[in-house]
Amino acid sequence: MQKGRWLSILQNKEKAGDFPLAKVPLGWEESGEVVFSHRKDRADRYCHTCVTGAQRKAFVMETVKSLAVAYGEGKASFLVLSPHREYAKLLELKKADVTVPYLLSERQFSAMKNLANAQASARKENPRLPKFFVVIDGLEELPFLPKDNAFTFLRKWVDELSGGAEIITAVDFKGSIFAGFEGAFVGVGNSLVSADETGKADVAYVGDGCVLDYPQAIRYTLS
């Protein structure tokens, strides 16, 4: 699928209010069908997309680009929280409300977390505000944040933001992403994306009991 066609499809779906449940299009299947980040049959979603794999940064950046174009100026804002410098490239997006602070200290992180919580709370009270996306990558690397294999800290924060923000997290899972408890981090009804090759990814949805569906292959690159 060509870049122009993909973006046109997303823009038309946004104008028609045809983004089912979540507003995060992950890519397209071989047939050209758009694949979204949440299962259509789940009303109890957590607004959470988790991305892992060797190309997770590339996937996240392409997703933000797609969303920024699809929504257009003034209809969405993005807060990217990461210690990784690569995300500064997103500041080059024209007419897009993207904030990319470079996180190094606990004080910086605390300020940005408070900002994210305040923005999410405002949207819970007034859904007409521009759509709010929180993008998280590499926070498990920061020395001042708690660490465990189940990503308990991030899971709790996702729950706090739920209902006021769409959350895209990129994490480096240790071992198999289908090992069981990782699904609890993603949340029932949400998606786990494994971007193993540039332009390609596998998407699995988390069902009851944290059981992952059989992964489906998609393409996502805009280049």
C-alpha atoms as a PDB file:
ATOM      1  CA  MET A   1       0.000   0.000   0.000  1.00  0.00           C
ATOM      2  CA  GLN A   2       1.345   3.410  -0.918  1.00  0.00           C
ATOM      3  CA  LYS A   3       1.888   6.052   1.740  1.00  0.00           C
ATOM      4  CA  GLY A   4      -0.690   8.428   0.259  1.00  0.00           C
ATOM      5  CA  ARG A   5      -3.386   5.759   0.085  1.00  0.00           C
ATOM      6  CA  TRP A   6      -2.782   4.632   3.672  1.00  0.00           C
ATOM      7  CA  LEU A   7      -3.019   8.155   5.057  1.00  0.00           C
ATOM      8  CA  SER A   8      -6.103   8.874   2.943  1.00  0.00           C
ATOM      9  CA  ILE A   9      -7.844   5.794   4.356  1.00  0.00           C
ATOM     10  CA  LEU A  10      -7.104   6.908   7.915  1.00  0.00           C
ATOM     11  CA  GLN A  11      -8.237  10.478   7.290  1.00  0.00           C
ATOM     12  CA  ASN A  12     -11.512   9.300   5.768  1.00  0.00           C
ATOM     13  CA  LYS A  13     -12.147   6.904   8.647  1.00  0.00           C
ATOM     14  CA  GLU A  14     -11.467   9.640  11.181  1.00  0.00           C
ATOM     15  CA  LYS A  15     -13.853  12.072   9.442  1.00  0.00           C
ATOM     16  CA  ALA A  16     -16.564   9.414   9.322  1.00  0.00           C
ATOM     17  CA  GLY A  17     -16.069   8.494  12.978  1.00  0.00           C
ATOM     18  CA  ASP A  18     -15.187   4.998  11.808  1.00  0.00           C
ATOM     19  CA  PHE A  19     -12.267   4.262  14.120  1.00  0.00           C
ATOM     20  CA  PRO A  20     -13.702   1.285  16.054  1.00  0.00           C
ATOM     21  CA  LEU A  21     -13.256   1.717  19.815  1.00  0.00           C
ATOM     22  CA  ALA A  22      -9.600   2.726  19.827  1.00  0.00           C
ATOM     23  CA  LYS A  23      -8.082   5.410  17.688  1.00  0.00           C
ATOM     24  CA  VAL A  24      -4.805   3.612  17.010  1.00  0.00           C
ATOM     25  CA  PRO A  25      -4.481   2.044  13.548  1.00  0.00           C
ATOM     26  CA  LEU A  26      -1.527  -0.354  13.638  1.00  0.00           C
ATOM     27  CA  GLY A  27      -1.194  -1.090   9.940  1.00  0.00           C
ATOM     28  CA  TRP A  28      -2.848  -3.187   7.270  1.00  0.00           C
ATOM     29  CA  GLU A  29      -3.206  -6.835   6.385  1.00  0.00           C
ATOM     30  CA  GLU A  30      -2.235  -8.264   3.003  1.00  0.00           C
ATOM     31  CA  SER A  31      -5.822  -7.690   1.847  1.00  0.00           C
ATOM     32  CA  GLY A  32      -5.501  -3.981   2.663  1.00  0.00           C
ATOM     33  CA  GLU A  33      -7.842  -4.166   5.663  1.00  0.00           C
ATOM     34  CA  VAL A  34      -6.884  -1.760   8.453  1.00  0.00           C
ATOM     35  CA  VAL A  35      -5.857  -3.438  11.713  1.00  0.00           C
ATOM     36  CA  PHE A  36      -6.626  -1.520  14.904  1.00  0.00           C
ATOM     37  CA  SER A  37      -5.118  -1.772  18.364  1.00  0.00           C
ATOM     38  CA  HIS A  38      -8.146  -3.121  20.212  1.00  0.00           C
ATOM     39  CA  ARG A  39     -10.515  -5.985  19.609  1.00  0.00           C
ATOM     40  CA  LYS A  40     -13.852  -4.729  18.351  1.00  0.00           C
ATOM     41  CA  ASP A  41     -15.818  -7.017  20.671  1.00  0.00           C
ATOM     42  CA  ARG A  42     -14.273  -5.671  23.872  1.00  0.00           C
ATOM     43  CA  ALA A  43     -15.957  -2.729  25.555  1.00  0.00           C
ATOM     44  CA  ASP A  44     -13.782  -3.029  28.674  1.00  0.00           C
ATOM     45  CA  ARG A  45     -10.571  -1.990  26.970  1.00  0.00           C
ATOM     46  CA  TYR A  46      -7.672  -0.267  28.724  1.00  0.00           C
ATOM     47  CA  CYS A  47      -6.687   2.001  25.816  1.00  0.00           C
ATOM     48  CA  HIS A  48      -3.293   0.313  25.674  1.00  0.00           C
ATOM     49  CA  THR A  49      -1.046  -0.786  22.825  1.00  0.00           C
ATOM     50  CA  CYS A  50       2.203  -2.502  23.759  1.00  0.00           C
ATOM     51  CA  VAL A  51       5.051  -2.742  21.263  1.00  0.00           C
ATOM     52  CA  THR A  52       8.103  -4.962  21.533  1.00  0.00           C
ATOM     53  CA  GLY A  53      10.676  -6.383  19.144  1.00  0.00           C
ATOM     54  CA  ALA A  54      13.838  -5.154  17.478  1.00  0.00           C
ATOM     55  CA  GLN A  55      12.071  -2.426  15.485  1.00  0.00           C
ATOM     56  CA  ARG A  56       9.756  -1.122  18.178  1.00  0.00           C
ATOM     57  CA  LYS A  57      10.995   2.477  17.923  1.00  0.00           C
ATOM     58  CA  ALA A  58      10.456   2.525  14.173  1.00  0.00           C
ATOM     59  CA  PHE A  59       6.945   1.128  14.642  1.00  0.00           C
ATOM     60  CA  VAL A  60       6.020   3.669  17.307  1.00  0.00           C
ATOM     61  CA  MET A  61       7.315   6.603  15.276  1.00  0.00           C
ATOM     62  CA  GLU A  62       5.451   5.479  12.155  1.00  0.00           C
ATOM     63  CA  THR A  63       2.276   5.088  14.225  1.00  0.00           C
ATOM     64  CA  VAL A  64       2.569   8.608  15.636  1.00  0.00           C
ATOM     65  CA  LYS A  65       3.133   9.981  12.118  1.00  0.00           C
ATOM     66  CA  SER A  66       0.027   8.186  10.854  1.00  0.00           C
ATOM     67  CA  LEU A  67      -2.096   9.449  13.734  1.00  0.00           C
ATOM     68  CA  ALA A  68      -0.856  13.028  13.409  1.00  0.00           C
ATOM     69  CA  VAL A  69      -1.813  13.107   9.720  1.00  0.00           C
ATOM     70  CA  ALA A  70      -5.117  11.272  10.198  1.00  0.00           C
ATOM     71  CA  TYR A  71      -6.376  13.606  12.914  1.00  0.00           C
ATOM     72  CA  GLY A  72      -4.984  16.780  11.441  1.00  0.00           C
ATOM     73  CA  GLU A  73      -4.077  20.021  13.122  1.00  0.00           C
ATOM     74  CA  GLY A  74      -5.658  20.730  16.490  1.00  0.00           C
ATOM     75  CA  LYS A  75      -7.467  17.398  16.889  1.00  0.00           C
ATOM     76  CA  ALA A  76      -4.811  15.379  18.714  1.00  0.00           C
ATOM     77  CA  SER A  77      -1.807  15.892  20.950  1.00  0.00           C
ATOM     78  CA  PHE A  78       1.079  13.569  21.710  1.00  0.00           C
ATOM     79  CA  LEU A  79       3.312  13.341  24.778  1.00  0.00           C
ATOM     80  CA  VAL A  80       6.345  11.113  24.188  1.00  0.00           C
ATOM     81  CA  LEU A  81       8.112  10.031  27.383  1.00  0.00           C
ATOM     82  CA  SER A  82      11.431   8.293  26.844  1.00  0.00           C
ATOM     83  CA  PRO A  83      15.127   8.556  27.620  1.00  0.00           C
ATOM     84  CA  HIS A  84      15.841   7.695  23.963  1.00  0.00           C
ATOM     85  CA  ARG A  85      16.973  10.606  21.810  1.00  0.00           C
ATOM     86  CA  GLU A  86      15.572   9.124  18.581  1.00  0.00           C
ATOM     87  CA  TYR A  87      12.074  10.342  19.405  1.00  0.00           C
ATOM     88  CA  ALA A  88      13.169  13.944  18.953  1.00  0.00           C
ATOM     89  CA  LYS A  89      12.625  13.315  15.213  1.00  0.00           C
ATOM     90  CA  LEU A  90       8.886  13.499  15.860  1.00  0.00           C
ATOM     91  CA  LEU A  91       9.265  17.208  16.615  1.00  0.00           C
ATOM     92  CA  GLU A  92       9.750  17.675  12.860  1.00  0.00           C
ATOM     93  CA  LEU A  93       6.095  16.790  12.178  1.00  0.00           C
ATOM     94  CA  LYS A  94       4.450  19.876  10.708  1.00  0.00           C
ATOM     95  CA  LYS A  95       1.359  21.276  12.423  1.00  0.00           C
ATOM     96  CA  ALA A  96       1.322  18.413  14.937  1.00  0.00           C
ATOM     97  CA  ASP A  97       1.101  18.955  18.688  1.00  0.00           C
ATOM     98  CA  VAL A  98       3.991  16.746  19.793  1.00  0.00           C
ATOM     99  CA  THR A  99       5.921  17.147  23.050  1.00  0.00           C
ATOM    100  CA  VAL A 100       9.125  15.143  23.465  1.00  0.00           C
ATOM    101  CA  PRO A 101      10.955  15.939  26.709  1.00  0.00           C
ATOM    102  CA  TYR A 102      14.297  14.208  27.129  1.00  0.00           C
ATOM    103  CA  LEU A 103      13.965  12.352  30.423  1.00  0.00           C
ATOM    104  CA  LEU A 104      17.085  12.029  32.551  1.00  0.00           C
ATOM    105  CA  SER A 105      16.140  12.803  36.136  1.00  0.00           C
ATOM    106  CA  GLU A 106      13.466  11.762  38.582  1.00  0.00           C
ATOM    107  CA  ARG A 107      12.342  15.371  38.837  1.00  0.00           C
ATOM    108  CA  GLN A 108      11.815  15.599  35.073  1.00  0.00           C
ATOM    109  CA  PHE A 109       9.894  12.351  35.018  1.00  0.00           C
ATOM    110  CA  SER A 110       7.679  13.374  37.945  1.00  0.00           C
ATOM    111  CA  ALA A 111       6.787  16.640  36.203  1.00  0.00           C
ATOM    112  CA  MET A 112       5.920  14.887  32.943  1.00  0.00           C
ATOM    113  CA  LYS A 113       3.889  12.211  34.719  1.00  0.00           C
ATOM    114  CA  ASN A 114       1.877  14.910  36.479  1.00  0.00           C
ATOM    115  CA  LEU A 115       1.325  16.627  33.133  1.00  0.00           C
ATOM    116  CA  ALA A 116       0.101  13.397  31.530  1.00  0.00           C
ATOM    117  CA  ASN A 117      -2.256  12.676  34.423  1.00  0.00           C
ATOM    118  CA  ALA A 118      -3.653  16.210  34.330  1.00  0.00           C
ATOM    119  CA  GLN A 119      -4.251  16.051  30.565  1.00  0.00           C
ATOM    120  CA  ALA A 120      -5.944  12.654  30.857  1.00  0.00           C
ATOM    121  CA  SER A 121      -8.132  13.861  33.722  1.00  0.00           C
ATOM    122  CA  ALA A 122      -9.213  16.909  31.707  1.00  0.00           C
ATOM    123  CA  ARG A 123     -10.340  14.643  28.864  1.00  0.00           C
ATOM    124  CA  LYS A 124     -12.272  12.390  31.192  1.00  0.00           C
ATOM    125  CA  GLU A 125     -14.244  15.473  32.217  1.00  0.00           C
ATOM    126  CA  ASN A 126     -14.491  16.897  28.687  1.00  0.00           C
ATOM    127  CA  PRO A 127     -14.258  14.297  25.882  1.00  0.00           C
ATOM    128  CA  ARG A 128     -14.479  17.090  23.286  1.00  0.00           C
ATOM    129  CA  LEU A 129     -10.909  18.108  23.972  1.00  0.00           C
ATOM    130  CA  PRO A 130      -8.317  17.005  21.375  1.00  0.00           C
ATOM    131  CA  LYS A 131      -7.451  13.316  21.515  1.00  0.00           C
ATOM    132  CA  PHE A 132      -4.515  12.676  23.863  1.00  0.00           C
ATOM    133  CA  PHE A 133      -1.840  10.057  23.207  1.00  0.00           C
ATOM    134  CA  VAL A 134       0.850   9.116  25.713  1.00  0.00           C
ATOM    135  CA  VAL A 135       3.822   7.312  24.161  1.00  0.00           C
ATOM    136  CA  ILE A 136       6.208   5.538  26.546  1.00  0.00           C
ATOM    137  CA  ASP A 137       9.469   3.810  25.674  1.00  0.00           C
ATOM    138  CA  GLY A 138      12.403   2.719  27.792  1.00  0.00           C
ATOM    139  CA  LEU A 139      11.191   3.886  31.196  1.00  0.00           C
ATOM    140  CA  GLU A 140      12.254   0.526  32.620  1.00  0.00           C
ATOM    141  CA  GLU A 141      15.843   1.684  31.955  1.00  0.00           C
ATOM    142  CA  LEU A 142      15.625   4.690  34.262  1.00  0.00           C
ATOM    143  CA  PRO A 143      17.478   3.883  37.510  1.00  0.00           C
ATOM    144  CA  PHE A 144      15.073   5.715  39.812  1.00  0.00           C
ATOM    145  CA  LEU A 145      11.946   3.766  38.756  1.00  0.00           C
ATOM    146  CA  PRO A 146      10.941   0.401  40.254  1.00  0.00           C
ATOM    147  CA  LYS A 147      11.639  -2.712  38.205  1.00  0.00           C
ATOM    148  CA  ASP A 148      10.055  -6.137  37.961  1.00  0.00           C
ATOM    149  CA  ASN A 149       9.342  -8.595  35.195  1.00  0.00           C
ATOM    150  CA  ALA A 150       5.610  -7.810  35.156  1.00  0.00           C
ATOM    151  CA  PHE A 151       6.115  -4.050  34.652  1.00  0.00           C
ATOM    152  CA  THR A 152       3.902  -3.379  37.661  1.00  0.00           C
ATOM    153  CA  PHE A 153       4.732   0.324  37.785  1.00  0.00           C
ATOM    154  CA  LEU A 154       3.776   0.928  34.142  1.00  0.00           C
ATOM    155  CA  ARG A 155       0.662  -1.228  34.412  1.00  0.00           C
ATOM    156  CA  LYS A 156      -0.598   0.863  37.321  1.00  0.00           C
ATOM    157  CA  TRP A 157       0.039   4.083  35.429  1.00  0.00           C
ATOM    158  CA  VAL A 158      -1.766   2.787  32.335  1.00  0.00           C
ATOM    159  CA  ASP A 159      -4.787   2.136  34.531  1.00  0.00           C
ATOM    160  CA  GLU A 160      -4.615   5.692  35.885  1.00  0.00           C
ATOM    161  CA  LEU A 161      -4.531   7.193  32.389  1.00  0.00           C
ATOM    162  CA  SER A 162      -7.239   4.899  31.020  1.00  0.00           C
ATOM    163  CA  GLY A 163     -10.325   6.737  29.858  1.00  0.00           C
ATOM    164  CA  GLY A 164      -8.457   9.979  29.248  1.00  0.00           C
ATOM    165  CA  ALA A 165      -5.625   8.902  26.974  1.00  0.00           C
ATOM    166  CA  GLU A 166      -4.583   6.313  24.454  1.00  0.00           C
ATOM    167  CA  ILE A 167      -1.334   4.730  25.660  1.00  0.00           C
ATOM    168  CA  ILE A 168       1.361   3.257  23.459  1.00  0.00           C
ATOM    169  CA  THR A 169       4.179   1.604  25.390  1.00  0.00           C
ATOM    170  CA  ALA A 170       7.352   0.154  23.927  1.00  0.00           C
ATOM    171  CA  VAL A 171       9.169  -2.297  26.168  1.00  0.00           C
ATOM    172  CA  ASP A 172      11.913  -4.879  25.881  1.00  0.00           C
ATOM    173  CA  PHE A 173      10.294  -8.088  27.088  1.00  0.00           C
ATOM    174  CA  LYS A 174      12.736 -10.647  28.437  1.00  0.00           C
ATOM    175  CA  GLY A 175      12.122 -14.042  26.865  1.00  0.00           C
ATOM    176  CA  SER A 176       8.987 -14.959  24.956  1.00  0.00           C
ATOM    177  CA  ILE A 177       6.248 -12.332  24.684  1.00  0.00           C
ATOM    178  CA  PHE A 178       3.767 -15.210  24.848  1.00  0.00           C
ATOM    179  CA  ALA A 179       4.944 -16.396  28.287  1.00  0.00           C
ATOM    180  CA  GLY A 180       1.715 -15.605  30.137  1.00  0.00           C
ATOM    181  CA  PHE A 181       1.993 -12.816  32.682  1.00  0.00           C
ATOM    182  CA  GLU A 182       3.032 -10.229  30.093  1.00  0.00           C
ATOM    183  CA  GLY A 183      -0.575 -10.194  28.930  1.00  0.00           C
ATOM    184  CA  ALA A 184      -1.577  -8.794  32.312  1.00  0.00           C
ATOM    185  CA  PHE A 185       0.596  -5.785  31.552  1.00  0.00           C
ATOM    186  CA  VAL A 186      -1.048  -5.210  28.185  1.00  0.00           C
ATOM    187  CA  GLY A 187      -4.600  -5.687  29.479  1.00  0.00           C
ATOM    188  CA  VAL A 188      -7.491  -7.829  28.280  1.00  0.00           C
ATOM    189  CA  GLY A 189      -8.836  -6.706  24.900  1.00  0.00           C
ATOM    190  CA  ASN A 190      -5.698  -4.775  24.001  1.00  0.00           C
ATOM    191  CA  SER A 191      -2.901  -5.526  21.556  1.00  0.00           C
ATOM    192  CA  LEU A 192       0.653  -6.717  21.776  1.00  0.00           C
ATOM    193  CA  VAL A 193       2.701  -5.797  18.707  1.00  0.00           C
ATOM    194  CA  SER A 194       5.994  -7.475  17.820  1.00  0.00           C
ATOM    195  CA  ALA A 195       7.881  -5.447  15.229  1.00  0.00           C
ATOM    196  CA  ASP A 196      10.624  -7.826  14.163  1.00  0.00           C
ATOM    197  CA  GLU A 197      11.374  -6.505  10.710  1.00  0.00           C
ATOM    198  CA  THR A 198      11.303  -3.030   9.198  1.00  0.00           C
ATOM    199  CA  GLY A 199       7.862  -2.469   7.770  1.00  0.00           C
ATOM    200  CA  LYS A 200       6.360  -5.666   9.198  1.00  0.00           C
ATOM    201  CA  ALA A 201       4.908  -6.708  12.551  1.00  0.00           C
ATOM    202  CA  ASP A 202       2.780  -9.364  14.240  1.00  0.00           C
ATOM    203  CA  VAL A 203      -0.282  -8.301  16.243  1.00  0.00           C
ATOM    204  CA  ALA A 204      -1.836 -10.455  18.975  1.00  0.00           C
ATOM    205  CA  TYR A 205      -4.820  -9.481  21.123  1.00  0.00           C
ATOM    206  CA  VAL A 206      -5.067 -10.351  24.804  1.00  0.00           C
ATOM    207  CA  GLY A 207      -8.138 -12.372  25.716  1.00  0.00           C
ATOM    208  CA  ASP A 208      -9.641 -13.455  29.019  1.00  0.00           C
ATOM    209  CA  GLY A 209      -7.128 -15.091  31.315  1.00  0.00           C
ATOM    210  CA  CYS A 210      -4.370 -13.151  29.547  1.00  0.00           C
ATOM    211  CA  VAL A 211      -4.375 -15.681  26.691  1.00  0.00           C
ATOM    212  CA  LEU A 212      -3.013 -14.213  23.476  1.00  0.00           C
ATOM    213  CA  ASP A 213      -4.786 -14.731  20.174  1.00  0.00           C
ATOM    214  CA  TYR A 214      -2.890 -16.220  17.269  1.00  0.00           C
ATOM    215  CA  PRO A 215      -0.796 -13.357  15.864  1.00  0.00           C
ATOM    216  CA  GLN A 216      -1.730 -11.743  12.555  1.00  0.00           C
ATOM    217  CA  ALA A 217       0.854 -10.271  10.213  1.00  0.00           C
ATOM    218  CA  ILE A 218       0.619  -6.623   9.170  1.00  0.00           C
ATOM    219  CA  ARG A 219       2.623  -3.935   7.391  1.00  0.00           C
ATOM    220  CA  TYR A 220       3.017  -0.492   8.868  1.00  0.00           C
ATOM    221  CA  THR A 221       5.814   1.413   7.161  1.00  0.00           C
ATOM    222  CA  LEU A 222       5.040   4.738   5.506  1.00  0.00           C
ATOM    223  CA  SER A 223       8.236   4.856   3.470  1.00  0.00           C
END
